Amino acid sequence: MYRKQKGKSFENKIADKLHKTFLENCEKYKELFKSIGENEQVIPKRDFSSGTFNDSSGDIQLNILKNFFPFHIECKFHKDFKDLTLNTLLNNKVKKLYNIWNNQILKNDLKNLIPILVFKGNRTDDFVFWNTKDFDLEINEFVKLGDFKIVKFDDFLLEYIKIMKKKGDC
């Protein structure tokens, strides 16, 4: 039971981080949120079906954020990822990421969203793993594994928002 609680807490943390980061850094998201009365029902939140065998649209319901952040998010908090840093990612933990990607993300209905895997271990940073064929970001600190990249989740969000701002979409 404790393991499931960690996963739920992590998913809630990621949903909160998405909302707060966009609220602080994306003026158009902030305006949209204010225009609907700052209603908590429309912010990103943990998908109620997360952790079940139901087909899900990811672990995070994006709600209004989907207009700005078109990603299908799978979250994993896993004990095997302890002591994880960008420097230690090149050991056998990478195989586990590919397994999660192939067995959980690619089997879902992505609903025209770009899949990403947000993950962490005990007392580690939050990281994101994605296929650069779907989407790429230029971030200074990353690990590249074939077509996949791994970066810190905070760096991913801020770089994505920077691109959105350049396009005038944020």
Protein backbone atom coordinates (compact mmCIF):
# COMPACT_ATOMS: atom_id res chain seq x y z
CA MET A 1 0.00 0.00 0.00
CA TYR A 2 2.84 2.40 0.84
CA ARG A 3 4.21 2.03 -2.71
CA LYS A 4 0.89 3.08 -4.24
CA GLN A 5 0.73 6.11 -1.96
CA LYS A 6 4.19 7.21 -3.15
CA GLY A 7 3.01 6.94 -6.76
CA LYS A 8 -0.17 8.95 -6.08
CA SER A 9 1.78 11.60 -4.17
CA PHE A 10 4.29 11.85 -7.01
CA GLU A 11 1.52 12.23 -9.61
CA ASN A 12 -0.12 14.95 -7.51
CA LYS A 13 3.25 16.69 -7.14
CA ILE A 14 3.82 16.65 -10.92
CA ALA A 15 0.30 17.99 -11.59
CA ASP A 16 0.87 20.80 -9.07
CA LYS A 17 4.29 21.58 -10.54
CA LEU A 18 2.80 21.85 -14.03
CA HIS A 19 0.12 24.27 -12.89
CA LYS A 20 2.44 26.42 -10.79
CA THR A 21 5.19 26.56 -13.43
CA PHE A 22 2.79 27.61 -16.18
CA LEU A 23 0.97 30.04 -13.89
CA GLU A 24 4.29 31.74 -13.04
CA ASN A 25 5.88 31.64 -16.51
CA CYS A 26 3.12 31.62 -19.15
CA GLU A 27 1.03 34.78 -19.28
CA LYS A 28 -1.60 33.29 -21.63
CA TYR A 29 -2.16 30.32 -19.29
CA LYS A 30 -2.45 32.71 -16.35
CA GLU A 31 -4.99 34.85 -18.27
CA LEU A 32 -7.05 31.79 -19.23
CA PHE A 33 -7.04 30.51 -15.65
CA LYS A 34 -8.15 33.92 -14.34
CA SER A 35 -10.81 34.27 -17.06
CA ILE A 36 -12.56 31.12 -15.83
CA GLY A 37 -12.59 32.35 -12.26
CA GLU A 38 -9.42 30.53 -11.12
CA ASN A 39 -11.52 27.38 -10.86
CA GLU A 40 -9.50 24.54 -9.28
CA GLN A 41 -11.53 22.02 -11.33
CA VAL A 42 -9.72 23.00 -14.53
CA ILE A 43 -6.10 22.77 -13.36
CA PRO A 44 -3.91 19.72 -14.05
CA LYS A 45 -4.55 16.87 -11.62
CA ARG A 46 -3.87 13.20 -11.11
CA ASP A 47 -6.07 11.05 -13.35
CA PHE A 48 -8.50 9.11 -11.14
CA SER A 49 -7.95 5.96 -13.22
CA SER A 50 -4.16 6.13 -12.83
CA GLY A 51 -2.75 2.88 -11.51
CA THR A 52 -5.62 0.79 -12.83
CA PHE A 53 -5.67 -1.43 -15.86
CA ASN A 54 -8.10 0.89 -17.63
CA ASP A 55 -6.93 2.61 -20.78
CA SER A 56 -5.93 6.00 -19.56
CA SER A 57 -5.00 9.28 -21.14
CA GLY A 58 -1.95 9.30 -18.88
CA ASP A 59 -1.40 9.77 -15.17
CA ILE A 60 -2.14 13.50 -15.34
CA GLN A 61 -5.36 15.08 -16.60
CA LEU A 62 -4.10 18.26 -18.21
CA ASN A 63 -7.49 20.01 -18.45
CA ILE A 64 -6.92 23.63 -19.63
CA LEU A 65 -3.16 23.08 -19.70
CA LYS A 66 -3.70 20.83 -22.74
CA ASN A 67 -4.03 24.07 -24.75
CA PHE A 68 -0.41 24.87 -23.90
CA PHE A 69 1.27 21.54 -23.07
CA PRO A 70 0.25 18.75 -25.50
CA PHE A 71 1.81 15.80 -23.68
CA HIS A 72 0.58 12.41 -22.52
CA ILE A 73 2.29 12.06 -19.13
CA GLU A 74 3.10 8.74 -17.49
CA CYS A 75 4.61 9.09 -14.00
CA LYS A 76 6.80 6.52 -12.22
CA PHE A 77 8.22 6.73 -8.73
CA HIS A 78 10.36 3.62 -8.47
CA LYS A 79 12.70 2.34 -5.78
CA ASP A 80 15.09 1.03 -8.48
CA PHE A 81 15.77 4.63 -9.44
CA LYS A 82 17.44 5.50 -6.12
CA ASP A 83 20.64 7.57 -6.23
CA LEU A 84 19.68 8.65 -9.73
CA THR A 85 21.44 11.57 -11.40
CA LEU A 86 22.04 12.40 -15.04
CA ASN A 87 25.54 10.96 -14.57
CA THR A 88 24.32 7.58 -13.27
CA LEU A 89 21.61 7.01 -15.87
CA LEU A 90 23.80 5.05 -18.23
CA ASN A 91 23.73 1.88 -16.15
CA ASN A 92 21.06 -0.83 -16.09
CA LYS A 93 18.29 1.58 -15.02
CA VAL A 94 17.86 2.64 -18.64
CA LYS A 95 16.45 -0.78 -19.56
CA LYS A 96 13.67 -0.27 -17.02
CA LEU A 97 12.77 3.06 -18.69
CA TYR A 98 12.50 1.39 -22.09
CA ASN A 99 10.32 -1.35 -20.57
CA ILE A 100 7.97 1.20 -19.02
CA TRP A 101 7.87 3.09 -22.32
CA ASN A 102 7.06 0.01 -24.39
CA ASN A 103 4.67 -1.65 -21.95
CA GLN A 104 2.74 1.28 -20.53
CA ILE A 105 3.01 4.32 -22.74
CA LEU A 106 2.87 2.91 -26.24
CA LYS A 107 -0.13 0.71 -25.36
CA ASN A 108 -2.28 3.69 -24.38
CA ASP A 109 -4.46 5.82 -26.60
CA LEU A 110 -2.28 8.91 -26.79
CA LYS A 111 -5.12 11.07 -28.18
CA ASN A 112 -2.73 13.02 -30.42
CA LEU A 113 -0.57 13.92 -27.45
CA ILE A 114 3.21 13.52 -27.31
CA PRO A 115 4.16 10.82 -24.79
CA ILE A 116 6.63 11.57 -22.00
CA LEU A 117 7.67 9.56 -18.96
CA VAL A 118 8.27 11.57 -15.78
CA PHE A 119 10.13 9.52 -13.18
CA LYS A 120 12.10 9.64 -9.96
CA GLY A 121 13.53 7.46 -7.22
CA ASN A 122 13.83 7.94 -3.49
CA ARG A 123 15.52 11.29 -2.78
CA THR A 124 16.26 12.05 -6.45
CA ASP A 125 15.30 14.85 -8.80
CA ASP A 126 12.34 14.45 -11.15
CA PHE A 127 13.38 13.48 -14.68
CA VAL A 128 11.63 13.20 -18.03
CA PHE A 129 12.30 10.57 -20.73
CA TRP A 130 10.96 11.01 -24.26
CA ASN A 131 11.49 10.12 -27.89
CA THR A 132 13.10 13.01 -29.76
CA LYS A 133 11.45 11.81 -32.99
CA ASP A 134 8.19 13.09 -31.48
CA PHE A 135 9.55 16.33 -30.09
CA ASP A 136 12.91 17.75 -29.11
CA LEU A 137 14.29 20.46 -26.86
CA GLU A 138 17.76 21.93 -26.70
CA ILE A 139 18.78 21.62 -23.06
CA ASN A 140 22.40 21.87 -21.88
CA GLU A 141 22.40 18.98 -19.42
CA PHE A 142 20.90 15.79 -20.80
CA VAL A 143 21.52 12.13 -21.51
CA LYS A 144 20.90 10.97 -25.09
CA LEU A 145 20.09 7.31 -25.68
CA GLY A 146 19.48 6.68 -29.37
CA ASP A 147 16.30 8.59 -30.20
CA PHE A 148 15.53 9.23 -26.53
CA LYS A 149 16.58 12.02 -24.20
CA ILE A 150 16.52 12.32 -20.42
CA VAL A 151 16.59 15.68 -18.65
CA LYS A 152 15.50 17.13 -15.33
CA PHE A 153 11.76 17.77 -15.41
CA ASP A 154 12.13 21.40 -14.28
CA ASP A 155 14.56 22.09 -17.14
CA PHE A 156 12.16 20.42 -19.60
CA LEU A 157 9.24 22.61 -18.47
CA LEU A 158 11.15 25.89 -18.52
CA GLU A 159 12.73 25.21 -21.92
CA TYR A 160 9.35 24.21 -23.36
CA ILE A 161 7.78 27.42 -22.03
CA LYS A 162 10.64 29.45 -23.52
CA ILE A 163 9.86 27.95 -26.95
CA MET A 164 6.15 28.66 -26.50
CA LYS A 165 6.94 32.29 -25.64
CA LYS A 166 9.07 32.69 -28.78
CA LYS A 167 6.13 31.45 -30.84
CA GLY A 168 3.81 33.86 -29.04
CA ASP A 169 1.81 30.97 -27.58
CA CYS A 170 2.60 31.58 -23.94
